[in-house]
Amino acid sequence: MREVLNDSHMLVRTMILTLFFGCTIGSLIALATGALWGFLLLFPASITLLVWAAKRAHRETRQVTDGARAARQRQTPE
C-alpha cells in the first residue's frame, strides 16, 4: 500500500482500475435494484479523485524533468 501511495503513476493506474470496477459493480447494482443514487454519488467522486491523482503525477514528472534540465545546464560550461 505504501508503494502505491508514494509512486504517483502507480496511484493513477490503481485508481483507474478501481474506477472501472466500481463503475461496473455500481452499474450492476443500480440495474438490479433500480436505485441510481448510489452510483450517481460514487461516479463524480471517483472522477474527481482520478483527476487529482493524474495532476499529481504530471506535476511530479514535470518537476523531475525541470530538475534534470537545471542540473544539465549547471554542468555545461558557457
Protein backbone atom coordinates (compact mmCIF):
# COMPACT_ATOMS: atom_id res chain seq x y z
CA MET A 1 0.00 0.00 0.00
CA ARG A 2 2.83 2.40 0.84
CA GLU A 3 4.45 1.86 -2.56
CA VAL A 4 1.23 2.71 -4.37
CA LEU A 5 0.74 5.90 -2.38
CA ASN A 6 4.36 7.03 -2.85
CA ASP A 7 4.53 6.39 -6.62
CA SER A 8 2.11 8.80 -8.26
CA HIS A 9 1.96 6.95 -11.58
CA MET A 10 1.15 3.70 -9.82
CA LEU A 11 -1.56 5.53 -7.87
CA VAL A 12 -3.16 6.74 -11.11
CA ARG A 13 -3.15 3.24 -12.60
CA THR A 14 -4.63 1.82 -9.40
CA MET A 15 -7.35 4.44 -9.34
CA ILE A 16 -8.24 3.76 -12.98
CA LEU A 17 -8.71 0.08 -12.19
CA THR A 18 -10.69 0.91 -9.07
CA LEU A 19 -12.90 3.31 -11.01
CA PHE A 20 -13.52 0.69 -13.71
CA PHE A 21 -14.50 -1.99 -11.20
CA GLY A 22 -16.52 0.47 -9.12
CA CYS A 23 -18.49 1.64 -12.15
CA THR A 24 -19.09 -1.92 -13.29
CA ILE A 25 -20.31 -3.05 -9.89
CA GLY A 26 -22.27 0.18 -9.36
CA SER A 27 -23.99 -0.26 -12.72
CA LEU A 28 -24.91 -3.84 -11.94
CA ILE A 29 -26.28 -2.91 -8.51
CA ALA A 30 -28.19 0.05 -9.96
CA LEU A 31 -29.64 -2.21 -12.65
CA ALA A 32 -30.62 -4.90 -10.15
CA THR A 33 -32.12 -2.61 -7.51
CA GLY A 34 -33.39 0.22 -9.67
CA ALA A 35 -31.73 2.78 -7.37
CA LEU A 36 -29.31 5.09 -9.16
CA TRP A 37 -28.48 7.44 -6.30
CA GLY A 38 -25.50 5.40 -5.01
CA PHE A 39 -23.96 5.20 -8.45
CA LEU A 40 -24.61 8.87 -9.13
CA LEU A 41 -22.76 9.81 -5.94
CA LEU A 42 -19.86 7.38 -6.46
CA PHE A 43 -19.05 8.24 -10.06
CA PRO A 44 -18.32 12.01 -9.76
CA ALA A 45 -16.31 11.47 -6.58
CA SER A 46 -14.22 8.79 -8.29
CA ILE A 47 -13.60 11.00 -11.32
CA THR A 48 -12.54 13.88 -9.05
CA LEU A 49 -10.01 11.69 -7.23
CA LEU A 50 -8.70 10.31 -10.52
CA VAL A 51 -8.15 13.82 -11.91
CA TRP A 52 -6.39 14.86 -8.70
CA ALA A 53 -4.07 11.82 -8.90
CA ALA A 54 -3.33 12.46 -12.59
CA LYS A 55 -2.45 16.10 -11.87
CA ARG A 56 -0.16 14.98 -9.05
CA ALA A 57 1.62 12.52 -11.35
CA HIS A 58 2.01 15.15 -14.05
CA ARG A 59 3.33 17.70 -11.57
CA GLU A 60 5.91 15.23 -10.20
CA THR A 61 7.02 14.29 -13.72
CA ARG A 62 7.38 17.95 -14.65
CA GLN A 63 9.42 18.65 -11.51
CA VAL A 64 11.78 15.77 -12.30
CA THR A 65 12.33 16.92 -15.88
CA ASP A 66 12.80 20.54 -14.79
CA GLY A 67 15.33 19.41 -12.18
CA ALA A 68 17.23 17.33 -14.73
CA ARG A 69 17.29 20.25 -17.16
CA ALA A 70 18.62 22.59 -14.45
CA ALA A 71 21.33 20.09 -13.49
CA ARG A 72 22.33 19.70 -17.14
CA GLN A 73 22.59 23.48 -17.54
CA ARG A 74 24.82 23.71 -14.46
CA GLN A 75 27.16 21.05 -15.87
CA THR A 76 27.64 22.60 -19.32
CA PRO A 77 30.36 25.27 -19.39
CA GLU A 78 29.44 28.54 -21.02
